[in-house]
Amino acid sequence: MKTAIIAGATGLIGSQLLNNLLESNHYNKIVALVRNEIPFQSPKLIQVIVDYNNLQSIADHLKCDDVFCCLGTTIKKAGSQNEFYKVDFQYCLNLAIESHKNGASNFYLVTALGANANSKVFYNSVKGKLENAIQNIGFNSFYIFRPSLLLGNRNEFRLGEKIMQMIMKPFSKLMFGSMEKYAAIESKQVAKAMYCLAVSNNKTGKQIITNEQMLAL
């Protein structure tokens, strides 16, 4: 029986993953790092109000086996590239550093298709730099999940994403072979892939899970 930490538990992927973790016999304690308490109760669930700039203050809650990081925002919501960088890079990296200090063995991170530290696209560049930074921390295993366009209902409305979902969803069924990496994917499929690979984890080092692999799972 293990302890898991989940960051981003109210998001599109995180909310699905939280359900998977709570229903699992693999974990007996789930620590959800939240900004505001969520209306969800379970004997296994511990909600911790978090300040990602001061994770040392909750060090006792960061003792775990597995960390699932589903944190993410948009430049529009964040308000600027600097604020986006703070959430999507610095907060995630802070979580990785502090949880590793407190004994976490495995880190499971959601980034994005196209993540590349050398990309000229700011979003992809930030995701790639985050992958590289966490890789150097020293987790026993580090799983990176790179989904394409996510399908599902968010708590917030994103017009651009909604339009892309309407366009991509019917075409995704026709994407095979090398094109499958661009196919839209349900958020619950990403969450299930994260959960399944965590409970069956027998690998060490960096593992990149592609969009095609998640669709196959």
C-alpha atoms as a PDB file:
ATOM      1  CA  MET A   1       0.000   0.000   0.000  1.00  0.00           C
ATOM      2  CA  LYS A   2       1.406   3.339  -1.065  1.00  0.00           C
ATOM      3  CA  THR A   3       0.938   7.067  -0.604  1.00  0.00           C
ATOM      4  CA  ALA A   4       0.400   9.304  -3.620  1.00  0.00           C
ATOM      5  CA  ILE A   5       0.480  13.058  -4.040  1.00  0.00           C
ATOM      6  CA  ILE A   6      -1.571  14.702  -6.760  1.00  0.00           C
ATOM      7  CA  ALA A   7      -1.184  18.316  -7.877  1.00  0.00           C
ATOM      8  CA  GLY A   8      -3.805  19.812 -10.162  1.00  0.00           C
ATOM      9  CA  ALA A   9      -6.580  17.585  -8.833  1.00  0.00           C
ATOM     10  CA  THR A  10      -9.351  19.934  -9.988  1.00  0.00           C
ATOM     11  CA  GLY A  11      -8.162  20.127 -13.592  1.00  0.00           C
ATOM     12  CA  LEU A  12      -9.270  18.236 -16.669  1.00  0.00           C
ATOM     13  CA  ILE A  13      -6.851  15.324 -16.222  1.00  0.00           C
ATOM     14  CA  GLY A  14      -6.293  15.665 -12.487  1.00  0.00           C
ATOM     15  CA  SER A  15      -9.951  15.287 -11.546  1.00  0.00           C
ATOM     16  CA  GLN A  16     -10.160  12.024 -13.496  1.00  0.00           C
ATOM     17  CA  LEU A  17      -6.892  10.781 -12.028  1.00  0.00           C
ATOM     18  CA  LEU A  18      -8.011  11.595  -8.487  1.00  0.00           C
ATOM     19  CA  ASN A  19     -10.992   9.277  -8.948  1.00  0.00           C
ATOM     20  CA  ASN A  20      -8.718   6.506 -10.224  1.00  0.00           C
ATOM     21  CA  LEU A  21      -6.398   6.862  -7.259  1.00  0.00           C
ATOM     22  CA  LEU A  22      -9.186   6.896  -4.686  1.00  0.00           C
ATOM     23  CA  GLU A  23     -10.781   3.776  -6.174  1.00  0.00           C
ATOM     24  CA  SER A  24      -7.453   1.934  -6.244  1.00  0.00           C
ATOM     25  CA  ASN A  25      -6.346  -0.778  -3.829  1.00  0.00           C
ATOM     26  CA  HIS A  26      -2.769   0.163  -4.700  1.00  0.00           C
ATOM     27  CA  TYR A  27      -2.810   3.350  -2.603  1.00  0.00           C
ATOM     28  CA  ASN A  28      -4.065   3.774   0.934  1.00  0.00           C
ATOM     29  CA  LYS A  29      -3.466   7.537   1.189  1.00  0.00           C
ATOM     30  CA  ILE A  30      -3.948  10.260  -1.407  1.00  0.00           C
ATOM     31  CA  VAL A  31      -2.665  13.755  -0.654  1.00  0.00           C
ATOM     32  CA  ALA A  32      -4.302  16.368  -2.895  1.00  0.00           C
ATOM     33  CA  LEU A  33      -2.491  19.699  -3.016  1.00  0.00           C
ATOM     34  CA  VAL A  34      -5.204  22.303  -3.563  1.00  0.00           C
ATOM     35  CA  ARG A  35      -5.573  26.073  -3.428  1.00  0.00           C
ATOM     36  CA  ASN A  36      -9.096  25.772  -2.088  1.00  0.00           C
ATOM     37  CA  GLU A  37     -10.658  22.719  -0.484  1.00  0.00           C
ATOM     38  CA  ILE A  38     -12.735  20.701  -2.953  1.00  0.00           C
ATOM     39  CA  PRO A  39     -16.165  19.235  -2.043  1.00  0.00           C
ATOM     40  CA  PHE A  40     -14.937  15.665  -2.066  1.00  0.00           C
ATOM     41  CA  GLN A  41     -14.639  13.280   0.846  1.00  0.00           C
ATOM     42  CA  SER A  42     -12.954   9.925   1.210  1.00  0.00           C
ATOM     43  CA  PRO A  43     -11.221   8.156   4.108  1.00  0.00           C
ATOM     44  CA  LYS A  44      -8.135   7.945   1.900  1.00  0.00           C
ATOM     45  CA  LEU A  45      -8.101  11.603   0.885  1.00  0.00           C
ATOM     46  CA  ILE A  46      -6.139  14.334   2.636  1.00  0.00           C
ATOM     47  CA  GLN A  47      -6.550  17.818   1.215  1.00  0.00           C
ATOM     48  CA  VAL A  48      -3.684  20.229   1.840  1.00  0.00           C
ATOM     49  CA  ILE A  49      -3.946  23.929   1.049  1.00  0.00           C
ATOM     50  CA  VAL A  50      -0.739  24.712  -0.781  1.00  0.00           C
ATOM     51  CA  ASP A  51       1.505  27.641  -1.603  1.00  0.00           C
ATOM     52  CA  TYR A  52       3.859  26.401  -4.300  1.00  0.00           C
ATOM     53  CA  ASN A  53       6.285  29.176  -3.423  1.00  0.00           C
ATOM     54  CA  ASN A  54       6.638  27.776   0.098  1.00  0.00           C
ATOM     55  CA  LEU A  55       6.348  23.998  -0.075  1.00  0.00           C
ATOM     56  CA  GLN A  56       8.717  23.607   2.848  1.00  0.00           C
ATOM     57  CA  SER A  57       5.838  24.639   5.116  1.00  0.00           C
ATOM     58  CA  ILE A  58       3.970  21.417   4.252  1.00  0.00           C
ATOM     59  CA  ALA A  59       6.996  19.116   4.208  1.00  0.00           C
ATOM     60  CA  ASP A  60       5.252  16.517   6.393  1.00  0.00           C
ATOM     61  CA  HIS A  61       2.604  16.071   3.685  1.00  0.00           C
ATOM     62  CA  LEU A  62       5.182  15.580   0.941  1.00  0.00           C
ATOM     63  CA  LYS A  63       6.361  12.200   2.228  1.00  0.00           C
ATOM     64  CA  CYS A  64       5.071   9.749  -0.361  1.00  0.00           C
ATOM     65  CA  ASP A  65       5.910   7.070  -2.902  1.00  0.00           C
ATOM     66  CA  ASP A  66       4.462   8.522  -6.109  1.00  0.00           C
ATOM     67  CA  VAL A  67       3.859  12.106  -7.247  1.00  0.00           C
ATOM     68  CA  PHE A  68       1.369  12.934 -10.003  1.00  0.00           C
ATOM     69  CA  CYS A  69       1.730  16.445 -11.421  1.00  0.00           C
ATOM     70  CA  CYS A  70      -1.158  17.682 -13.562  1.00  0.00           C
ATOM     71  CA  LEU A  71      -0.573  21.379 -12.976  1.00  0.00           C
ATOM     72  CA  GLY A  72      -1.047  23.697 -15.918  1.00  0.00           C
ATOM     73  CA  THR A  73      -2.589  26.949 -17.063  1.00  0.00           C
ATOM     74  CA  THR A  74      -2.754  29.118 -20.182  1.00  0.00           C
ATOM     75  CA  ILE A  75      -1.014  32.382 -20.938  1.00  0.00           C
ATOM     76  CA  LYS A  76      -4.421  34.042 -21.232  1.00  0.00           C
ATOM     77  CA  LYS A  77      -5.549  32.840 -17.811  1.00  0.00           C
ATOM     78  CA  ALA A  78      -2.169  33.491 -16.188  1.00  0.00           C
ATOM     79  CA  GLY A  79      -2.072  37.003 -17.623  1.00  0.00           C
ATOM     80  CA  SER A  80       1.461  36.981 -19.014  1.00  0.00           C
ATOM     81  CA  GLN A  81       4.260  34.700 -20.150  1.00  0.00           C
ATOM     82  CA  ASN A  82       6.040  35.279 -16.844  1.00  0.00           C
ATOM     83  CA  GLU A  83       3.022  34.157 -14.816  1.00  0.00           C
ATOM     84  CA  PHE A  84       2.502  31.177 -17.111  1.00  0.00           C
ATOM     85  CA  TYR A  85       6.142  30.199 -16.590  1.00  0.00           C
ATOM     86  CA  LYS A  86       5.693  30.449 -12.827  1.00  0.00           C
ATOM     87  CA  VAL A  87       2.834  27.919 -12.828  1.00  0.00           C
ATOM     88  CA  ASP A  88       3.847  25.536 -15.599  1.00  0.00           C
ATOM     89  CA  PHE A  89       7.561  25.477 -14.847  1.00  0.00           C
ATOM     90  CA  GLN A  90       8.489  26.777 -11.417  1.00  0.00           C
ATOM     91  CA  TYR A  91       5.580  25.361  -9.410  1.00  0.00           C
ATOM     92  CA  CYS A  92       5.998  21.932 -10.991  1.00  0.00           C
ATOM     93  CA  LEU A  93       9.750  21.993 -10.448  1.00  0.00           C
ATOM     94  CA  ASN A  94       9.323  23.122  -6.822  1.00  0.00           C
ATOM     95  CA  LEU A  95       7.000  20.168  -6.243  1.00  0.00           C
ATOM     96  CA  ALA A  96       9.492  17.745  -7.778  1.00  0.00           C
ATOM     97  CA  ILE A  97      12.406  19.069  -5.719  1.00  0.00           C
ATOM     98  CA  GLU A  98      10.611  19.139  -2.373  1.00  0.00           C
ATOM     99  CA  SER A  99       8.837  15.796  -2.784  1.00  0.00           C
ATOM    100  CA  HIS A 100      12.119  14.131  -3.762  1.00  0.00           C
ATOM    101  CA  LYS A 101      13.749  15.579  -0.651  1.00  0.00           C
ATOM    102  CA  ASN A 102      10.983  13.942   1.377  1.00  0.00           C
ATOM    103  CA  GLY A 103      11.439  10.489  -0.112  1.00  0.00           C
ATOM    104  CA  ALA A 104       9.266  10.340  -3.243  1.00  0.00           C
ATOM    105  CA  SER A 105      10.556   7.651  -5.615  1.00  0.00           C
ATOM    106  CA  ASN A 106       8.511   8.189  -8.768  1.00  0.00           C
ATOM    107  CA  PHE A 107       7.262  11.290 -10.576  1.00  0.00           C
ATOM    108  CA  TYR A 108       4.490  11.298 -13.195  1.00  0.00           C
ATOM    109  CA  LEU A 109       4.224  14.511 -15.209  1.00  0.00           C
ATOM    110  CA  VAL A 110       1.793  15.752 -17.863  1.00  0.00           C
ATOM    111  CA  THR A 111       3.399  18.006 -20.455  1.00  0.00           C
ATOM    112  CA  ALA A 112       2.306  18.204 -24.090  1.00  0.00           C
ATOM    113  CA  LEU A 113       2.853  16.969 -27.613  1.00  0.00           C
ATOM    114  CA  GLY A 114       5.733  18.998 -29.018  1.00  0.00           C
ATOM    115  CA  ALA A 115       7.468  19.639 -25.686  1.00  0.00           C
ATOM    116  CA  ASN A 116      11.020  20.641 -26.547  1.00  0.00           C
ATOM    117  CA  ALA A 117      13.375  22.914 -24.635  1.00  0.00           C
ATOM    118  CA  ASN A 118      14.729  24.271 -27.942  1.00  0.00           C
ATOM    119  CA  SER A 119      11.334  24.967 -29.487  1.00  0.00           C
ATOM    120  CA  LYS A 120      10.624  28.460 -30.790  1.00  0.00           C
ATOM    121  CA  VAL A 121       7.071  28.056 -29.489  1.00  0.00           C
ATOM    122  CA  PHE A 122       7.061  29.457 -25.961  1.00  0.00           C
ATOM    123  CA  TYR A 123       4.555  26.909 -24.592  1.00  0.00           C
ATOM    124  CA  ASN A 124       6.472  23.914 -25.970  1.00  0.00           C
ATOM    125  CA  SER A 125       9.774  25.370 -24.833  1.00  0.00           C
ATOM    126  CA  VAL A 126       8.586  25.754 -21.220  1.00  0.00           C
ATOM    127  CA  LYS A 127       7.289  22.173 -21.171  1.00  0.00           C
ATOM    128  CA  GLY A 128      10.560  20.840 -22.582  1.00  0.00           C
ATOM    129  CA  LYS A 129      12.678  22.791 -20.098  1.00  0.00           C
ATOM    130  CA  LEU A 130      10.547  21.428 -17.259  1.00  0.00           C
ATOM    131  CA  GLU A 131      11.092  17.853 -18.443  1.00  0.00           C
ATOM    132  CA  ASN A 132      14.851  18.401 -18.526  1.00  0.00           C
ATOM    133  CA  ALA A 133      14.952  20.023 -15.096  1.00  0.00           C
ATOM    134  CA  ILE A 134      12.996  17.256 -13.369  1.00  0.00           C
ATOM    135  CA  GLN A 135      15.028  14.555 -15.103  1.00  0.00           C
ATOM    136  CA  ASN A 136      18.113  15.807 -13.279  1.00  0.00           C
ATOM    137  CA  ILE A 137      16.581  15.611  -9.783  1.00  0.00           C
ATOM    138  CA  GLY A 138      17.153  11.882  -9.390  1.00  0.00           C
ATOM    139  CA  PHE A 139      13.804  10.120  -9.147  1.00  0.00           C
ATOM    140  CA  ASN A 140      13.900   6.346  -9.440  1.00  0.00           C
ATOM    141  CA  SER A 141      11.507   6.646 -12.366  1.00  0.00           C
ATOM    142  CA  PHE A 142      10.276   9.734 -14.197  1.00  0.00           C
ATOM    143  CA  TYR A 143       7.297   9.287 -16.532  1.00  0.00           C
ATOM    144  CA  ILE A 144       6.418  12.053 -18.988  1.00  0.00           C
ATOM    145  CA  PHE A 145       2.988  12.023 -20.631  1.00  0.00           C
ATOM    146  CA  ARG A 146       2.684  14.064 -23.835  1.00  0.00           C
ATOM    147  CA  PRO A 147      -0.950  14.230 -24.938  1.00  0.00           C
ATOM    148  CA  SER A 148      -2.239  15.977 -28.025  1.00  0.00           C
ATOM    149  CA  LEU A 149      -5.430  18.102 -27.901  1.00  0.00           C
ATOM    150  CA  LEU A 150      -7.425  17.131 -24.812  1.00  0.00           C
ATOM    151  CA  LEU A 151     -11.114  16.271 -24.978  1.00  0.00           C
ATOM    152  CA  GLY A 152     -13.365  16.700 -21.959  1.00  0.00           C
ATOM    153  CA  ASN A 153     -15.342  19.258 -20.000  1.00  0.00           C
ATOM    154  CA  ARG A 154     -13.336  21.764 -18.008  1.00  0.00           C
ATOM    155  CA  ASN A 155     -14.606  23.794 -15.077  1.00  0.00           C
ATOM    156  CA  GLU A 156     -13.518  26.852 -17.040  1.00  0.00           C
ATOM    157  CA  PHE A 157     -14.510  27.760 -20.600  1.00  0.00           C
ATOM    158  CA  ARG A 158     -11.722  28.011 -23.175  1.00  0.00           C
ATOM    159  CA  LEU A 159     -13.147  29.171 -26.501  1.00  0.00           C
ATOM    160  CA  GLY A 160     -10.125  28.322 -28.636  1.00  0.00           C
ATOM    161  CA  GLU A 161      -9.856  24.853 -27.158  1.00  0.00           C
ATOM    162  CA  LYS A 162     -13.579  24.247 -27.598  1.00  0.00           C
ATOM    163  CA  ILE A 163     -13.398  25.165 -31.277  1.00  0.00           C
ATOM    164  CA  MET A 164     -10.415  22.872 -31.804  1.00  0.00           C
ATOM    165  CA  GLN A 165     -12.232  20.039 -30.028  1.00  0.00           C
ATOM    166  CA  MET A 166     -15.188  20.396 -32.399  1.00  0.00           C
ATOM    167  CA  ILE A 167     -12.859  20.302 -35.399  1.00  0.00           C
ATOM    168  CA  MET A 168     -10.478  17.582 -34.265  1.00  0.00           C
ATOM    169  CA  LYS A 169     -12.783  15.082 -32.600  1.00  0.00           C
ATOM    170  CA  PRO A 170     -14.368  13.663 -35.787  1.00  0.00           C
ATOM    171  CA  PHE A 171     -11.082  13.709 -37.729  1.00  0.00           C
ATOM    172  CA  SER A 172      -9.129  11.998 -34.941  1.00  0.00           C
ATOM    173  CA  LYS A 173     -10.915   8.718 -35.675  1.00  0.00           C
ATOM    174  CA  LEU A 174      -9.369   8.789 -39.147  1.00  0.00           C
ATOM    175  CA  MET A 175      -5.805   9.330 -37.966  1.00  0.00           C
ATOM    176  CA  PHE A 176      -3.591   6.261 -38.170  1.00  0.00           C
ATOM    177  CA  GLY A 177       0.119   5.524 -38.306  1.00  0.00           C
ATOM    178  CA  SER A 178       2.343   8.581 -38.063  1.00  0.00           C
ATOM    179  CA  MET A 179      -0.699  10.867 -37.866  1.00  0.00           C
ATOM    180  CA  GLU A 180      -2.021   9.269 -34.697  1.00  0.00           C
ATOM    181  CA  LYS A 181       0.241  11.398 -32.526  1.00  0.00           C
ATOM    182  CA  TYR A 182      -1.914  14.408 -33.495  1.00  0.00           C
ATOM    183  CA  ALA A 183      -5.243  12.730 -32.707  1.00  0.00           C
ATOM    184  CA  ALA A 184      -7.325  14.314 -29.955  1.00  0.00           C
ATOM    185  CA  ILE A 185      -7.428  12.305 -26.747  1.00  0.00           C
ATOM    186  CA  GLU A 186      -9.942  12.103 -23.913  1.00  0.00           C
ATOM    187  CA  SER A 187      -8.636  13.442 -20.616  1.00  0.00           C
ATOM    188  CA  LYS A 188      -9.820  10.253 -18.913  1.00  0.00           C
ATOM    189  CA  GLN A 189      -7.548   8.235 -21.236  1.00  0.00           C
ATOM    190  CA  VAL A 190      -4.532  10.254 -20.132  1.00  0.00           C
ATOM    191  CA  ALA A 191      -5.503   9.848 -16.478  1.00  0.00           C
ATOM    192  CA  LYS A 192      -6.007   6.104 -16.889  1.00  0.00           C
ATOM    193  CA  ALA A 193      -2.641   5.753 -18.630  1.00  0.00           C
ATOM    194  CA  MET A 194      -0.942   7.580 -15.756  1.00  0.00           C
ATOM    195  CA  TYR A 195      -2.625   5.352 -13.206  1.00  0.00           C
ATOM    196  CA  CYS A 196      -2.017   2.061 -15.038  1.00  0.00           C
ATOM    197  CA  LEU A 197       1.655   2.749 -15.647  1.00  0.00           C
ATOM    198  CA  ALA A 198       2.141   3.842 -12.031  1.00  0.00           C
ATOM    199  CA  VAL A 199       0.683   0.663 -10.529  1.00  0.00           C
ATOM    200  CA  SER A 200       2.599  -1.554 -12.963  1.00  0.00           C
ATOM    201  CA  ASN A 201       5.808   0.485 -12.844  1.00  0.00           C
ATOM    202  CA  ASN A 202       8.877  -1.734 -13.139  1.00  0.00           C
ATOM    203  CA  LYS A 203      11.109   0.690 -15.011  1.00  0.00           C
ATOM    204  CA  THR A 204      13.730   3.165 -13.905  1.00  0.00           C
ATOM    205  CA  GLY A 205      14.858   6.431 -15.411  1.00  0.00           C
ATOM    206  CA  LYS A 206      13.054   8.673 -17.864  1.00  0.00           C
ATOM    207  CA  GLN A 207      10.081   7.235 -19.771  1.00  0.00           C
ATOM    208  CA  ILE A 208       8.246   9.254 -22.434  1.00  0.00           C
ATOM    209  CA  ILE A 209       4.659   8.149 -23.014  1.00  0.00           C
ATOM    210  CA  THR A 210       3.413   9.361 -26.382  1.00  0.00           C
ATOM    211  CA  ASN A 211      -0.088  10.230 -27.468  1.00  0.00           C
ATOM    212  CA  GLU A 212      -0.243   7.022 -29.523  1.00  0.00           C
ATOM    213  CA  GLN A 213       0.715   4.909 -26.517  1.00  0.00           C
ATOM    214  CA  MET A 214      -1.962   6.511 -24.357  1.00  0.00           C
ATOM    215  CA  LEU A 215      -4.582   5.951 -27.034  1.00  0.00           C
ATOM    216  CA  ALA A 216      -3.528   2.301 -27.252  1.00  0.00           C
ATOM    217  CA  LEU A 217      -3.840   1.877 -23.487  1.00  0.00           C
END
